[in-house]
C-alpha atoms as a PDB file:
ATOM      1  CA  UNK A   1      93.081  92.900-171.013  1.00  0.00           C
ATOM      2  CA  UNK A   2      95.581  93.210-167.917  1.00  0.00           C
ATOM      3  CA  UNK A   3      94.524  96.085-166.509  1.00  0.00           C
ATOM      4  CA  UNK A   4      92.743  96.788-163.512  1.00  0.00           C
ATOM      5  CA  UNK A   5      89.810  98.349-163.423  1.00  0.00           C
ATOM      6  CA  UNK A   6      87.748  99.833-160.617  1.00  0.00           C
ATOM      7  CA  UNK A   7      84.867  97.463-161.607  1.00  0.00           C
ATOM      8  CA  UNK A   8      86.947  94.380-160.740  1.00  0.00           C
ATOM      9  CA  UNK A   9      87.188  95.531-157.095  1.00  0.00           C
ATOM     10  CA  UNK A  10      85.570  93.084-154.417  1.00  0.00           C
ATOM     11  CA  UNK A  11      86.326  95.202-151.862  1.00  0.00           C
ATOM     12  CA  UNK A  12      88.503  92.648-149.884  1.00  0.00           C
ATOM     13  CA  UNK A  13      92.019  94.059-150.486  1.00  0.00           C
ATOM     14  CA  UNK A  14      93.814  90.730-150.514  1.00  0.00           C
ATOM     15  CA  UNK A  15      90.895  88.953-152.769  1.00  0.00           C
ATOM     16  CA  UNK A  16      92.322  92.072-155.184  1.00  0.00           C
ATOM     17  CA  UNK A  17      95.607  91.741-154.632  1.00  0.00           C
ATOM     18  CA  UNK A  18      95.338  88.758-156.025  1.00  0.00           C
ATOM     19  CA  UNK A  19      93.327  89.285-159.084  1.00  0.00           C
ATOM     20  CA  UNK A  20      96.004  91.609-159.999  1.00  0.00           C
ATOM     21  CA  UNK A  21      98.634  89.387-159.357  1.00  0.00           C
ATOM     22  CA  UNK A  22      96.895  87.418-162.055  1.00  0.00           C
ATOM     23  CA  UNK A  23      96.528  90.367-164.538  1.00  0.00           C
ATOM     24  CA  UNK A  24     100.120  90.628-163.982  1.00  0.00           C
ATOM     25  CA  UNK A  25     100.726  87.306-164.910  1.00  0.00           C
ATOM     26  CA  UNK A  26      98.666  87.581-167.889  1.00  0.00           C
ATOM     27  CA  UNK A  27     100.479  90.030-169.196  1.00  0.00           C
ATOM     28  CA  UNK A  28     104.094  88.953-168.573  1.00  0.00           C
ATOM     29  CA  UNK A  29     102.853  85.739-170.448  1.00  0.00           C
ATOM     30  CA  UNK A  30     102.208  87.893-173.187  1.00  0.00           C
ATOM     31  CA  UNK A  31     105.546  89.549-173.270  1.00  0.00           C
ATOM     32  CA  UNK A  32     106.795  86.231-173.066  1.00  0.00           C
ATOM     33  CA  UNK A  33     105.128  85.391-176.140  1.00  0.00           C
ATOM     34  CA  UNK A  34     106.147  88.615-178.367  1.00  0.00           C
ATOM     35  CA  UNK A  35     110.023  88.026-176.969  1.00  0.00           C
ATOM     36  CA  UNK A  36     109.925  84.367-178.360  1.00  0.00           C
ATOM     37  CA  UNK A  37     110.451  82.720-174.836  1.00  0.00           C
ATOM     38  CA  UNK A  38     107.383  81.462-173.841  1.00  0.00           C
ATOM     39  CA  UNK A  39     108.679  77.986-173.843  1.00  0.00           C
ATOM     40  CA  UNK A  40     111.428  78.941-170.721  1.00  0.00           C
ATOM     41  CA  UNK A  41     108.062  80.940-169.086  1.00  0.00           C
ATOM     42  CA  UNK A  42     105.420  78.101-169.348  1.00  0.00           C
ATOM     43  CA  UNK A  43     106.774  75.618-166.303  1.00  0.00           C
ATOM     44  CA  UNK A  44     106.594  79.015-164.570  1.00  0.00           C
ATOM     45  CA  UNK A  45     103.072  79.377-166.198  1.00  0.00           C
ATOM     46  CA  UNK A  46     102.194  76.826-164.077  1.00  0.00           C
ATOM     47  CA  UNK A  47     103.729  76.861-160.879  1.00  0.00           C
ATOM     48  CA  UNK A  48     101.876  79.841-160.663  1.00  0.00           C
ATOM     49  CA  UNK A  49      98.812  79.044-161.304  1.00  0.00           C
ATOM     50  CA  UNK A  50      98.764  75.508-158.781  1.00  0.00           C
ATOM     51  CA  UNK A  51      99.603  78.021-155.900  1.00  0.00           C
ATOM     52  CA  UNK A  52      97.422  81.668-157.215  1.00  0.00           C
ATOM     53  CA  UNK A  53      94.187  78.955-157.393  1.00  0.00           C
ATOM     54  CA  UNK A  54      95.112  76.892-154.296  1.00  0.00           C
ATOM     55  CA  UNK A  55      95.783  80.652-152.242  1.00  0.00           C
ATOM     56  CA  UNK A  56      93.291  83.053-154.051  1.00  0.00           C
ATOM     57  CA  UNK A  57      90.058  80.421-154.878  1.00  0.00           C
ATOM     58  CA  UNK A  58      90.645  79.247-150.533  1.00  0.00           C
ATOM     59  CA  UNK A  59      90.182  83.305-149.728  1.00  0.00           C
ATOM     60  CA  UNK A  60      87.740  83.950-152.277  1.00  0.00           C
ATOM     61  CA  UNK A  61      85.697  81.365-150.721  1.00  0.00           C
ATOM     62  CA  UNK A  62      86.139  82.278-147.298  1.00  0.00           C
ATOM     63  CA  UNK A  63      84.523  85.222-148.225  1.00  0.00           C
ATOM     64  CA  UNK A  64      81.789  84.211-149.689  1.00  0.00           C
ATOM     65  CA  UNK A  65      81.078  81.853-147.335  1.00  0.00           C
ATOM     66  CA  UNK A  66      81.755  84.331-144.218  1.00  0.00           C
ATOM     67  CA  UNK A  67      79.408  87.224-145.759  1.00  0.00           C
ATOM     68  CA  UNK A  68      76.370  84.316-146.935  1.00  0.00           C
ATOM     69  CA  UNK A  69      76.874  84.998-150.260  1.00  0.00           C
ATOM     70  CA  UNK A  70      74.512  82.882-151.675  1.00  0.00           C
ATOM     71  CA  UNK A  71      76.280  81.716-155.027  1.00  0.00           C
ATOM     72  CA  UNK A  72      78.888  80.172-153.392  1.00  0.00           C
ATOM     73  CA  UNK A  73      78.521  76.756-154.709  1.00  0.00           C
ATOM     74  CA  UNK A  74      78.600  77.910-158.216  1.00  0.00           C
ATOM     75  CA  UNK A  75      81.079  80.073-157.824  1.00  0.00           C
ATOM     76  CA  UNK A  76      83.132  77.314-156.391  1.00  0.00           C
ATOM     77  CA  UNK A  77      81.893  75.046-159.130  1.00  0.00           C
ATOM     78  CA  UNK A  78      83.787  77.350-161.246  1.00  0.00           C
ATOM     79  CA  UNK A  79      87.429  77.512-159.167  1.00  0.00           C
ATOM     80  CA  UNK A  80      86.809  73.588-159.335  1.00  0.00           C
ATOM     81  CA  UNK A  81      86.659  73.531-163.301  1.00  0.00           C
ATOM     82  CA  UNK A  82      89.820  76.263-163.752  1.00  0.00           C
ATOM     83  CA  UNK A  83      91.684  73.913-161.312  1.00  0.00           C
ATOM     84  CA  UNK A  84      91.136  71.203-163.443  1.00  0.00           C
ATOM     85  CA  UNK A  85      91.547  72.933-166.574  1.00  0.00           C
ATOM     86  CA  UNK A  86      94.953  74.182-165.100  1.00  0.00           C
ATOM     87  CA  UNK A  87      95.961  70.710-163.756  1.00  0.00           C
ATOM     88  CA  UNK A  88      94.903  68.884-167.332  1.00  0.00           C
ATOM     89  CA  UNK A  89      96.857  71.171-169.399  1.00  0.00           C
ATOM     90  CA  UNK A  90     100.450  70.732-166.472  1.00  0.00           C
ATOM     91  CA  UNK A  91     100.396  67.134-167.083  1.00  0.00           C
ATOM     92  CA  UNK A  92     100.199  67.640-170.767  1.00  0.00           C
ATOM     93  CA  UNK A  93     103.531  69.550-170.575  1.00  0.00           C
ATOM     94  CA  UNK A  94     105.095  67.071-167.749  1.00  0.00           C
ATOM     95  CA  UNK A  95     104.047  64.273-170.885  1.00  0.00           C
ATOM     96  CA  UNK A  96     104.693  66.146-174.307  1.00  0.00           C
ATOM     97  CA  UNK A  97     106.622  69.264-172.901  1.00  0.00           C
ATOM     98  CA  UNK A  98     106.093  72.650-174.475  1.00  0.00           C
ATOM     99  CA  UNK A  99     104.008  73.019-177.197  1.00  0.00           C
ATOM    100  CA  UNK A 100     102.306  75.574-179.559  1.00  0.00           C
ATOM    101  CA  UNK A 101      99.650  74.276-178.663  1.00  0.00           C
ATOM    102  CA  UNK A 102     100.522  73.902-175.029  1.00  0.00           C
ATOM    103  CA  UNK A 103     100.559  77.993-175.059  1.00  0.00           C
ATOM    104  CA  UNK A 104      98.322  79.132-177.304  1.00  0.00           C
ATOM    105  CA  UNK A 105      95.295  77.040-174.724  1.00  0.00           C
ATOM    106  CA  UNK A 106      97.767  77.896-171.148  1.00  0.00           C
ATOM    107  CA  UNK A 107      96.753  81.685-172.740  1.00  0.00           C
ATOM    108  CA  UNK A 108      93.621  81.062-173.848  1.00  0.00           C
ATOM    109  CA  UNK A 109      92.711  79.726-170.495  1.00  0.00           C
ATOM    110  CA  UNK A 110      93.308  82.839-168.149  1.00  0.00           C
ATOM    111  CA  UNK A 111      92.716  85.571-170.905  1.00  0.00           C
ATOM    112  CA  UNK A 112      89.021  83.670-170.896  1.00  0.00           C
ATOM    113  CA  UNK A 113      88.936  83.243-167.654  1.00  0.00           C
ATOM    114  CA  UNK A 114      89.843  86.822-166.448  1.00  0.00           C
ATOM    115  CA  UNK A 115      87.181  87.523-169.115  1.00  0.00           C
ATOM    116  CA  UNK A 116      84.428  85.400-167.929  1.00  0.00           C
ATOM    117  CA  UNK A 117      84.808  84.696-164.188  1.00  0.00           C
ATOM    118  CA  UNK A 118      86.201  88.634-163.289  1.00  0.00           C
ATOM    119  CA  UNK A 119      83.333  90.251-165.722  1.00  0.00           C
ATOM    120  CA  UNK A 120      80.367  87.743-164.618  1.00  0.00           C
ATOM    121  CA  UNK A 121      80.510  85.642-161.541  1.00  0.00           C
ATOM    122  CA  UNK A 122      83.085  87.603-159.747  1.00  0.00           C
ATOM    123  CA  UNK A 123      80.430  91.068-160.494  1.00  0.00           C
ATOM    124  CA  UNK A 124      77.853  89.017-159.009  1.00  0.00           C
ATOM    125  CA  UNK A 125      79.763  88.725-155.846  1.00  0.00           C
ATOM    126  CA  UNK A 126      80.789  92.309-155.514  1.00  0.00           C
ATOM    127  CA  UNK A 127      77.038  93.380-156.189  1.00  0.00           C
ATOM    128  CA  UNK A 128      76.154  91.134-153.498  1.00  0.00           C
ATOM    129  CA  UNK A 129      78.676  92.049-151.627  1.00  0.00           C
ATOM    130  CA  UNK A 130      77.570  95.929-151.903  1.00  0.00           C
ATOM    131  CA  UNK A 131      73.832  94.949-151.433  1.00  0.00           C
ATOM    132  CA  UNK A 132      74.643  93.654-147.970  1.00  0.00           C
ATOM    133  CA  UNK A 133      77.547  96.471-146.812  1.00  0.00           C
ATOM    134  CA  UNK A 134      79.991  93.898-146.525  1.00  0.00           C
ATOM    135  CA  UNK A 135      81.976  96.101-149.774  1.00  0.00           C
ATOM    136  CA  UNK A 136      84.763  98.103-148.125  1.00  0.00           C
ATOM    137  CA  UNK A 137      86.731  99.922-151.148  1.00  0.00           C
END
């Protein structure tokens, strides 16, 4: 689940590197869970996700706008929904501290995002970029 696969490539080096960063963070979090040190990692997770979301979504949305991607509005809505989920989880963490439920929900959010968003939304973008000749691996 945390390995990079060629099908994930958008052809934009910066966006692809950001996707790799997210995969690496999920791998780090899964390791922290196995080592029972997730409580110390949860604040790092939210800091990473908020920074990642702002930078990555901005760059990916720019790529979409620059290429005339017709699925931009739906893709942007997905980004906004993910950001809202991240901020909601962080608010719960700040209010209530670390809990098993919060850790599981955070990991589920990231894993579900990787599975659904990469395989569906980002793949649609890659297919479009291939079609318009904007894909440059």
